[in-house]
N, C-alpha and C. Protein backbone atom coordinates (compact mmCIF):
# COMPACT_ATOMS: atom_id res chain seq x y z
N MET A 1 166.41 63.73 149.91
CA MET A 1 165.37 63.91 149.22
C MET A 1 163.88 63.64 149.00
N SER A 2 163.06 64.54 148.59
CA SER A 2 162.10 64.87 148.92
C SER A 2 161.46 64.20 147.93
N THR A 3 159.54 64.39 148.31
CA THR A 3 159.03 63.38 147.18
C THR A 3 158.38 63.44 146.28
N ILE A 4 157.58 63.73 145.47
CA ILE A 4 157.30 64.29 144.34
C ILE A 4 155.12 63.95 144.58
N ASN A 5 155.46 65.64 144.63
CA ASN A 5 154.18 66.21 145.00
C ASN A 5 152.76 65.66 143.43
N TYR A 6 152.89 65.04 143.25
CA TYR A 6 151.99 64.63 141.79
C TYR A 6 151.19 65.94 141.78
N ALA A 7 150.44 65.98 142.64
CA ALA A 7 148.58 66.80 142.27
C ALA A 7 149.69 68.54 141.73
N GLU A 8 150.05 68.89 142.29
CA GLU A 8 150.55 70.09 142.22
C GLU A 8 152.11 70.58 141.43
N VAL A 9 152.59 69.09 140.96
CA VAL A 9 153.43 69.51 139.56
C VAL A 9 152.18 69.08 138.10
N ALA A 10 151.03 68.55 138.43
CA ALA A 10 150.08 68.44 136.84
C ALA A 10 149.87 70.10 137.20
N LYS A 11 149.26 71.23 138.40
CA LYS A 11 149.05 71.99 137.91
C LYS A 11 149.41 73.00 137.83
N ALA A 12 151.14 72.39 137.96
CA ALA A 12 151.95 73.66 137.23
C ALA A 12 151.92 72.94 135.97
N CYS A 13 152.27 71.94 135.19
CA CYS A 13 151.85 72.16 133.57
C CYS A 13 150.75 72.31 133.16
N ASP A 14 149.91 72.06 134.00
CA ASP A 14 148.28 73.08 133.75
C ASP A 14 148.47 74.61 133.24
N PHE A 15 149.66 74.79 134.35
CA PHE A 15 149.77 76.80 134.38
C PHE A 15 150.37 76.87 133.32
N LEU A 16 151.72 75.95 132.85
CA LEU A 16 152.20 76.40 131.42
C LEU A 16 151.27 75.90 130.38
N TYR A 17 150.73 75.61 130.31
CA TYR A 17 149.61 75.29 129.12
C TYR A 17 148.88 76.27 129.10
N HIS A 18 148.62 76.70 129.88
CA HIS A 18 147.31 77.63 129.80
C HIS A 18 147.88 79.71 129.76
N ASN A 19 149.34 79.22 129.94
CA ASN A 19 149.46 80.78 130.12
C ASN A 19 150.92 81.02 128.91
N THR A 20 150.97 80.15 128.01
CA THR A 20 151.95 79.66 126.75
C THR A 20 151.12 79.81 125.88
N ILE A 21 151.68 80.28 124.40
CA ILE A 21 151.52 79.56 122.77
C ILE A 21 152.65 78.78 122.66
N PRO A 22 151.93 78.09 121.56
CA PRO A 22 152.67 77.70 120.24
C PRO A 22 154.11 78.30 119.87
N ALA A 23 155.46 77.80 119.82
CA ALA A 23 156.18 78.55 119.46
C ALA A 23 157.47 77.18 119.17
N ALA A 24 158.09 77.81 117.90
CA ALA A 24 159.24 76.89 117.43
C ALA A 24 159.97 76.29 118.97
N GLY A 25 160.65 75.43 119.10
CA GLY A 25 161.82 75.19 120.27
C GLY A 25 161.10 75.28 121.42
N CYS A 26 159.74 75.73 121.29
CA CYS A 26 159.34 75.95 122.82
C CYS A 26 158.66 74.73 123.18
N MET A 27 158.26 74.46 124.89
CA MET A 27 156.87 73.50 125.31
C MET A 27 155.69 74.40 125.57
N HIS A 28 154.57 73.70 124.88
CA HIS A 28 153.12 74.15 124.98
C HIS A 28 152.34 73.17 125.50
N SER A 29 152.67 71.98 125.36
CA SER A 29 151.79 71.05 126.03
C SER A 29 151.58 70.57 127.36
N SER A 30 150.31 70.54 128.13
CA SER A 30 150.22 70.17 129.74
C SER A 30 151.30 68.78 129.62
N THR A 31 150.53 67.58 128.83
CA THR A 31 150.81 66.21 129.22
C THR A 31 152.13 66.25 128.49
N ARG A 32 152.56 66.97 128.09
CA ARG A 32 154.46 66.50 127.62
C ARG A 32 155.44 66.89 128.50
N ALA A 33 154.79 68.30 128.87
CA ALA A 33 155.52 68.64 130.74
C ALA A 33 155.07 67.95 131.51
N PHE A 34 154.17 66.96 131.91
CA PHE A 34 154.15 66.25 132.94
C PHE A 34 154.64 65.06 132.02
N ASP A 35 154.78 64.35 131.37
CA ASP A 35 155.48 63.52 131.30
C ASP A 35 157.10 63.74 131.28
N SER A 36 157.65 64.61 131.10
CA SER A 36 159.09 64.86 130.92
C SER A 36 159.50 65.17 132.64
N CYS A 37 158.42 65.88 133.07
CA CYS A 37 159.18 65.87 134.90
C CYS A 37 158.62 64.60 135.65
N MET A 38 157.72 63.61 134.96
CA MET A 38 157.66 62.60 135.74
C MET A 38 159.01 61.63 135.23
N ARG A 39 159.27 62.05 133.93
CA ARG A 39 160.42 60.43 133.75
C ARG A 39 161.64 61.78 134.34
N SER A 40 161.99 62.81 134.62
CA SER A 40 162.88 63.27 135.36
C SER A 40 162.99 63.19 136.84
N PHE A 41 161.91 63.57 137.56
CA PHE A 41 161.93 62.92 138.64
C PHE A 41 161.73 60.79 139.58
N ASP A 42 161.46 60.72 138.49
CA ASP A 42 161.58 59.01 139.16
C ASP A 42 161.99 58.69 138.41
N CYS A 43 163.53 58.12 138.42
CA CYS A 43 163.83 57.89 137.40
C CYS A 43 165.33 57.79 138.72
N ARG A 44 166.24 56.92 138.28
CA ARG A 44 167.32 56.14 138.77
C ARG A 44 168.43 57.83 139.85
N VAL A 45 168.80 58.49 139.30
CA VAL A 45 169.80 59.93 139.48
C VAL A 45 168.28 61.04 139.22
N PRO A 46 167.33 61.31 140.23
CA PRO A 46 166.11 62.23 139.90
C PRO A 46 166.56 63.69 140.04
N ALA A 47 166.00 63.91 139.54
CA ALA A 47 166.40 65.59 139.44
C ALA A 47 165.48 66.55 140.15
N GLU A 48 165.69 67.28 140.44
CA GLU A 48 165.00 68.15 141.60
C GLU A 48 164.34 69.76 140.86
N ALA A 49 164.34 69.57 139.86
CA ALA A 49 163.84 70.85 139.02
C ALA A 49 163.76 70.23 137.51
N VAL A 50 163.05 70.96 137.13
CA VAL A 50 163.42 70.60 135.57
C VAL A 50 162.60 72.44 134.66
N THR A 51 163.22 72.35 133.74
CA THR A 51 163.37 73.98 133.32
C THR A 51 162.96 73.95 132.26
N PHE A 52 161.86 74.19 131.27
CA PHE A 52 161.64 74.28 129.77
C PHE A 52 161.63 75.70 129.32
N ARG A 53 162.11 75.94 128.21
CA ARG A 53 161.67 77.20 127.37
C ARG A 53 160.57 77.04 126.73
N VAL A 54 159.81 77.89 126.53
CA VAL A 54 158.63 78.50 126.75
C VAL A 54 158.51 80.31 125.89
N TYR A 55 156.54 79.81 125.14
CA TYR A 55 156.52 81.32 124.34
C TYR A 55 155.33 82.28 125.44
N LEU A 56 155.79 82.86 126.35
CA LEU A 56 154.70 83.73 127.12
C LEU A 56 153.83 84.01 126.53
N ASN A 57 152.15 83.73 127.11
CA ASN A 57 151.35 84.29 126.76
C ASN A 57 151.27 85.82 125.84
N ALA A 58 149.64 86.87 126.30
CA ALA A 58 149.86 88.28 126.52
C ALA A 58 149.25 88.21 128.04
N PRO A 59 149.88 89.61 128.72
CA PRO A 59 150.14 90.66 128.05
C PRO A 59 152.01 90.54 127.90
N VAL A 60 152.67 89.45 128.38
CA VAL A 60 154.19 89.63 127.95
C VAL A 60 154.47 89.29 126.49
N MET A 61 154.58 88.26 126.08
CA MET A 61 154.39 88.15 124.37
C MET A 61 155.88 88.22 124.26
N ALA A 62 156.61 87.24 125.41
CA ALA A 62 157.66 86.98 124.85
C ALA A 62 158.46 85.60 125.41
N ARG A 63 159.67 85.54 125.03
CA ARG A 63 160.47 83.78 125.32
C ARG A 63 160.78 83.48 126.54
N GLY A 64 160.87 83.10 127.48
CA GLY A 64 161.35 82.48 128.95
C GLY A 64 160.96 80.97 129.48
N GLU A 65 161.27 81.60 130.81
CA GLU A 65 161.48 79.45 130.79
C GLU A 65 160.65 79.55 132.07
N ILE A 66 160.62 78.57 132.54
CA ILE A 66 159.66 78.42 133.81
C ILE A 66 160.01 76.51 133.99
N THR A 67 160.35 76.75 135.43
CA THR A 67 160.73 75.62 136.32
C THR A 67 160.20 75.37 136.96
N ILE A 68 159.44 73.96 137.05
CA ILE A 68 159.48 73.24 137.56
C ILE A 68 159.42 72.63 138.93
N HIS A 69 159.49 72.29 139.99
CA HIS A 69 160.25 71.66 141.26
C HIS A 69 158.99 70.20 141.76
N ARG A 70 159.91 69.63 142.35
CA ARG A 70 159.54 68.35 142.48
C ARG A 70 158.29 68.68 143.45
N ASP A 71 157.88 69.54 144.36
CA ASP A 71 156.91 69.55 145.11
C ASP A 71 155.87 70.14 144.54
N GLY A 72 156.02 71.14 143.17
CA GLY A 72 154.93 71.34 142.19
C GLY A 72 154.90 73.02 142.55
N HIS A 73 156.44 73.37 143.37
CA HIS A 73 156.23 74.62 143.02
C HIS A 73 156.46 75.02 141.85
N PHE A 74 156.54 76.13 141.09
CA PHE A 74 156.96 76.77 139.90
C PHE A 74 157.97 78.63 139.84
N GLU A 75 158.31 78.40 139.10
CA GLU A 75 159.21 79.84 138.43
C GLU A 75 159.09 80.18 137.56
N VAL A 76 158.86 81.40 137.28
CA VAL A 76 158.40 82.11 135.66
C VAL A 76 159.52 83.14 135.36
N ARG A 77 160.47 83.24 134.42
CA ARG A 77 161.28 83.88 133.93
C ARG A 77 160.85 84.51 133.08
N ARG A 78 161.21 85.66 132.46
CA ARG A 78 161.46 86.11 131.09
C ARG A 78 162.78 86.48 130.22
N ASP A 79 163.07 86.22 129.14
CA ASP A 79 164.51 86.33 128.88
C ASP A 79 164.07 88.05 128.18
N HIS A 80 165.29 88.72 128.24
CA HIS A 80 165.31 90.08 128.16
C HIS A 80 165.61 90.65 126.67
């Protein structure tokens, strides 16, 4: 199992905050995203990645998902 890269996970959560806008049912808080990641990564049965529903900011302006992995890399997907 890989270790948690705290600094990179924090950067990914900041990216989430700076590139999304508030919308019903969507994550927009860097602090809450980081808290959710740490709770999922540091438990008895740890997760490898956490996926959040988001509303992407301009120029995209669409709902999507951001998946943050334990090593800090992240993937952004837009809904079609």
